Amino acid sequence: MKTVTATELKTKTGETLDAAQKEPVTIEKNGRPIAVIVPQADYERLIRMENDYWLTRVESAEKSGYIGTESTTNFFRETLKGNAEA
């Protein structure tokens, strides 16, 4: 995966976008990765995968008999808490 600094991104935006059409490009600021530019097709695939995941979870909950408001609330609290810590 290609990596460019935020400064390089400012001066080489076109080149960076061209590279990002072929593979993800990591953007670093102060030596830390802060963002990734991915090809549009990859982004759309990731969104489809995420939507499929949640649809499967919903279908599973419906088949097993709705898991209930309290369980759903706890699940999302734990999920969001885990995402905030990452």
N, C-alpha and C. Protein backbone atom coordinates (compact mmCIF):
# COMPACT_ATOMS: atom_id res chain seq x y z
N MET A 1 0.85 -1.17 0.00
CA MET A 1 0.00 0.00 0.00
C MET A 1 0.90 1.23 0.00
N LYS A 2 0.54 2.17 -0.85
CA LYS A 2 1.32 3.40 -0.95
C LYS A 2 0.98 4.32 0.23
N THR A 3 1.97 5.07 0.68
CA THR A 3 1.78 6.03 1.75
C THR A 3 2.31 7.38 1.30
N VAL A 4 1.54 8.43 1.57
CA VAL A 4 1.99 9.80 1.28
C VAL A 4 1.72 10.65 2.51
N THR A 5 2.50 11.69 2.66
CA THR A 5 2.28 12.63 3.76
C THR A 5 1.18 13.62 3.37
N ALA A 6 0.63 14.28 4.34
CA ALA A 6 -0.40 15.29 4.07
C ALA A 6 0.17 16.39 3.18
N THR A 7 1.42 16.74 3.38
CA THR A 7 2.07 17.76 2.55
C THR A 7 2.19 17.28 1.11
N GLU A 8 2.60 16.02 0.93
CA GLU A 8 2.68 15.47 -0.43
C GLU A 8 1.30 15.45 -1.09
N LEU A 9 0.28 15.15 -0.31
CA LEU A 9 -1.08 15.12 -0.84
C LEU A 9 -1.46 16.50 -1.39
N LYS A 10 -1.07 17.55 -0.69
CA LYS A 10 -1.38 18.91 -1.15
C LYS A 10 -0.71 19.21 -2.48
N THR A 11 0.53 18.77 -2.62
CA THR A 11 1.28 19.13 -3.82
C THR A 11 1.13 18.12 -4.94
N LYS A 12 0.69 16.91 -4.62
CA LYS A 12 0.57 15.85 -5.63
C LYS A 12 -0.81 15.21 -5.60
N THR A 13 -1.84 16.04 -5.50
CA THR A 13 -3.20 15.51 -5.38
C THR A 13 -3.56 14.62 -6.56
N GLY A 14 -3.31 15.09 -7.76
CA GLY A 14 -3.65 14.32 -8.95
C GLY A 14 -2.96 12.98 -8.99
N GLU A 15 -1.66 12.97 -8.72
CA GLU A 15 -0.90 11.72 -8.72
C GLU A 15 -1.42 10.77 -7.64
N THR A 16 -1.73 11.32 -6.49
CA THR A 16 -2.23 10.49 -5.39
C THR A 16 -3.58 9.88 -5.74
N LEU A 17 -4.46 10.68 -6.34
CA LEU A 17 -5.76 10.16 -6.74
C LEU A 17 -5.62 9.10 -7.82
N ASP A 18 -4.69 9.29 -8.74
CA ASP A 18 -4.44 8.27 -9.76
C ASP A 18 -3.98 6.97 -9.12
N ALA A 19 -3.08 7.07 -8.16
CA ALA A 19 -2.58 5.88 -7.46
C ALA A 19 -3.71 5.20 -6.69
N ALA A 20 -4.59 6.01 -6.10
CA ALA A 20 -5.69 5.47 -5.28
C ALA A 20 -6.72 4.74 -6.12
N GLN A 21 -6.71 4.93 -7.43
CA GLN A 21 -7.64 4.17 -8.28
C GLN A 21 -7.18 2.72 -8.43
N LYS A 22 -5.91 2.48 -8.15
CA LYS A 22 -5.35 1.14 -8.31
C LYS A 22 -5.23 0.39 -6.98
N GLU A 23 -4.97 1.13 -5.90
CA GLU A 23 -4.77 0.51 -4.59
C GLU A 23 -5.01 1.57 -3.51
N PRO A 24 -5.30 1.13 -2.29
CA PRO A 24 -5.46 2.10 -1.20
C PRO A 24 -4.18 2.91 -0.98
N VAL A 25 -4.36 4.17 -0.62
CA VAL A 25 -3.24 5.06 -0.32
C VAL A 25 -3.43 5.60 1.09
N THR A 26 -2.45 5.37 1.95
CA THR A 26 -2.49 5.89 3.31
C THR A 26 -1.96 7.30 3.34
N ILE A 27 -2.66 8.18 4.06
CA ILE A 27 -2.21 9.56 4.24
C ILE A 27 -1.69 9.68 5.67
N GLU A 28 -0.47 10.18 5.81
CA GLU A 28 0.13 10.37 7.13
C GLU A 28 0.28 11.85 7.44
N LYS A 29 0.09 12.18 8.70
CA LYS A 29 0.32 13.54 9.19
C LYS A 29 1.14 13.41 10.46
N ASN A 30 2.25 14.12 10.51
CA ASN A 30 3.15 14.04 11.66
C ASN A 30 3.57 12.60 11.94
N GLY A 31 3.78 11.82 10.87
CA GLY A 31 4.25 10.46 11.01
C GLY A 31 3.20 9.44 11.43
N ARG A 32 1.93 9.87 11.52
CA ARG A 32 0.85 8.95 11.92
C ARG A 32 -0.15 8.80 10.80
N PRO A 33 -0.60 7.58 10.54
CA PRO A 33 -1.64 7.41 9.53
C PRO A 33 -2.94 8.05 10.01
N ILE A 34 -3.56 8.87 9.15
CA ILE A 34 -4.79 9.55 9.55
C ILE A 34 -5.97 9.22 8.65
N ALA A 35 -5.70 8.74 7.44
CA ALA A 35 -6.79 8.44 6.51
C ALA A 35 -6.27 7.49 5.44
N VAL A 36 -7.22 6.87 4.76
CA VAL A 36 -6.88 6.01 3.64
C VAL A 36 -7.82 6.37 2.49
N ILE A 37 -7.25 6.58 1.33
CA ILE A 37 -8.04 6.79 0.13
C ILE A 37 -8.12 5.44 -0.58
N VAL A 38 -9.34 4.98 -0.85
CA VAL A 38 -9.50 3.69 -1.50
C VAL A 38 -10.21 3.88 -2.84
N PRO A 39 -9.99 2.95 -3.77
CA PRO A 39 -10.72 3.02 -5.03
C PRO A 39 -12.22 2.98 -4.77
N GLN A 40 -12.99 3.68 -5.59
CA GLN A 40 -14.44 3.74 -5.42
C GLN A 40 -15.07 2.35 -5.39
N ALA A 41 -14.62 1.46 -6.24
CA ALA A 41 -15.18 0.10 -6.28
C ALA A 41 -14.95 -0.62 -4.95
N ASP A 42 -13.79 -0.43 -4.34
CA ASP A 42 -13.50 -1.04 -3.04
C ASP A 42 -14.42 -0.48 -1.97
N TYR A 43 -14.61 0.84 -1.98
CA TYR A 43 -15.50 1.49 -1.02
C TYR A 43 -16.92 0.93 -1.15
N GLU A 44 -17.41 0.85 -2.37
CA GLU A 44 -18.76 0.33 -2.59
C GLU A 44 -18.87 -1.12 -2.13
N ARG A 45 -17.83 -1.92 -2.37
CA ARG A 45 -17.82 -3.31 -1.92
C ARG A 45 -17.86 -3.38 -0.39
N LEU A 46 -17.10 -2.53 0.28
CA LEU A 46 -17.10 -2.51 1.75
C LEU A 46 -18.47 -2.13 2.30
N ILE A 47 -19.11 -1.15 1.68
CA ILE A 47 -20.45 -0.74 2.12
C ILE A 47 -21.44 -1.88 1.92
N ARG A 48 -21.37 -2.57 0.78
CA ARG A 48 -22.25 -3.73 0.54
C ARG A 48 -22.01 -4.81 1.59
N MET A 49 -20.74 -5.07 1.89
CA MET A 49 -20.41 -6.08 2.89
C MET A 49 -20.99 -5.71 4.25
N GLU A 50 -20.85 -4.45 4.63
CA GLU A 50 -21.38 -4.01 5.92
C GLU A 50 -22.90 -4.12 5.94
N ASN A 51 -23.54 -3.70 4.86
CA ASN A 51 -25.00 -3.80 4.79
C ASN A 51 -25.45 -5.26 4.84
N ASP A 52 -24.75 -6.14 4.13
CA ASP A 52 -25.08 -7.56 4.16
C ASP A 52 -24.93 -8.13 5.57
N TYR A 53 -23.87 -7.71 6.25
CA TYR A 53 -23.64 -8.17 7.62
C TYR A 53 -24.83 -7.80 8.52
N TRP A 54 -25.24 -6.53 8.47
CA TRP A 54 -26.33 -6.10 9.34
C TRP A 54 -27.65 -6.74 8.93
N LEU A 55 -27.87 -6.94 7.64
CA LEU A 55 -29.09 -7.61 7.19
C LEU A 55 -29.12 -9.03 7.72
N THR A 56 -28.00 -9.71 7.68
CA THR A 56 -27.92 -11.07 8.21
C THR A 56 -28.22 -11.09 9.70
N ARG A 57 -27.68 -10.11 10.42
CA ARG A 57 -27.96 -10.02 11.87
C ARG A 57 -29.45 -9.82 12.14
N VAL A 58 -30.07 -8.95 11.35
CA VAL A 58 -31.50 -8.69 11.52
C VAL A 58 -32.31 -9.94 11.22
N GLU A 59 -31.98 -10.61 10.10
CA GLU A 59 -32.71 -11.82 9.72
C GLU A 59 -32.55 -12.90 10.79
N SER A 60 -31.35 -13.02 11.32
CA SER A 60 -31.10 -14.01 12.38
C SER A 60 -31.94 -13.69 13.62
N ALA A 61 -32.00 -12.43 13.98
CA ALA A 61 -32.79 -12.03 15.15
C ALA A 61 -34.26 -12.34 14.92
N GLU A 62 -34.75 -12.07 13.72
CA GLU A 62 -36.15 -12.33 13.42
C GLU A 62 -36.45 -13.83 13.47
N LYS A 63 -35.54 -14.65 12.93
CA LYS A 63 -35.75 -16.10 12.92
C LYS A 63 -35.75 -16.69 14.32
N SER A 64 -34.92 -16.14 15.18
CA SER A 64 -34.83 -16.69 16.54
C SER A 64 -35.87 -16.07 17.47
N GLY A 65 -36.69 -15.21 16.93
CA GLY A 65 -37.65 -14.51 17.78
C GLY A 65 -36.98 -13.26 18.28
N TYR A 66 -37.46 -12.14 17.88
CA TYR A 66 -36.86 -10.83 18.16
C TYR A 66 -36.12 -10.81 19.49
N ILE A 67 -34.91 -10.28 19.48
CA ILE A 67 -34.07 -10.34 20.67
C ILE A 67 -34.46 -9.32 21.74
N GLY A 68 -35.30 -8.38 21.40
CA GLY A 68 -35.80 -7.44 22.39
C GLY A 68 -35.03 -6.14 22.44
N THR A 69 -35.70 -5.13 22.93
CA THR A 69 -35.14 -3.79 22.98
C THR A 69 -33.92 -3.71 23.88
N GLU A 70 -33.99 -4.32 25.06
CA GLU A 70 -32.88 -4.25 25.99
C GLU A 70 -31.61 -4.90 25.42
N SER A 71 -31.77 -6.07 24.82
CA SER A 71 -30.63 -6.76 24.22
C SER A 71 -30.05 -5.95 23.06
N THR A 72 -30.93 -5.39 22.26
CA THR A 72 -30.47 -4.58 21.12
C THR A 72 -29.71 -3.36 21.62
N THR A 73 -30.25 -2.69 22.61
CA THR A 73 -29.60 -1.50 23.17
C THR A 73 -28.23 -1.86 23.74
N ASN A 74 -28.15 -2.95 24.49
CA ASN A 74 -26.87 -3.38 25.05
C ASN A 74 -25.87 -3.74 23.97
N PHE A 75 -26.32 -4.41 22.92
CA PHE A 75 -25.44 -4.77 21.81
C PHE A 75 -24.82 -3.52 21.19
N PHE A 76 -25.66 -2.52 20.90
CA PHE A 76 -25.13 -1.31 20.26
C PHE A 76 -24.26 -0.50 21.21
N ARG A 77 -24.58 -0.49 22.47
CA ARG A 77 -23.71 0.20 23.43
C ARG A 77 -22.33 -0.43 23.45
N GLU A 78 -22.28 -1.75 23.51
CA GLU A 78 -21.00 -2.45 23.52
C GLU A 78 -20.24 -2.24 22.22
N THR A 79 -20.96 -2.30 21.11
CA THR A 79 -20.33 -2.12 19.79
C THR A 79 -19.76 -0.72 19.66
N LEU A 80 -20.55 0.27 20.02
CA LEU A 80 -20.10 1.65 19.91
C LEU A 80 -18.96 1.95 20.90
N LYS A 81 -19.04 1.37 22.08
CA LYS A 81 -17.97 1.54 23.07
C LYS A 81 -16.67 0.94 22.54
N GLY A 82 -16.75 -0.24 21.93
CA GLY A 82 -15.57 -0.88 21.36
C GLY A 82 -14.99 -0.07 20.23
N ASN A 83 -15.84 0.54 19.39
CA ASN A 83 -15.37 1.37 18.29
C ASN A 83 -14.71 2.64 18.80
N ALA A 84 -15.21 3.20 19.89
CA ALA A 84 -14.63 4.43 20.43
C ALA A 84 -13.25 4.17 21.02
N GLU A 85 -13.02 2.97 21.52
CA GLU A 85 -11.74 2.63 22.13
C GLU A 85 -10.67 2.30 21.09
N ALA A 86 -11.11 1.93 19.89
CA ALA A 86 -10.17 1.51 18.84
C ALA A 86 -9.38 2.65 18.27
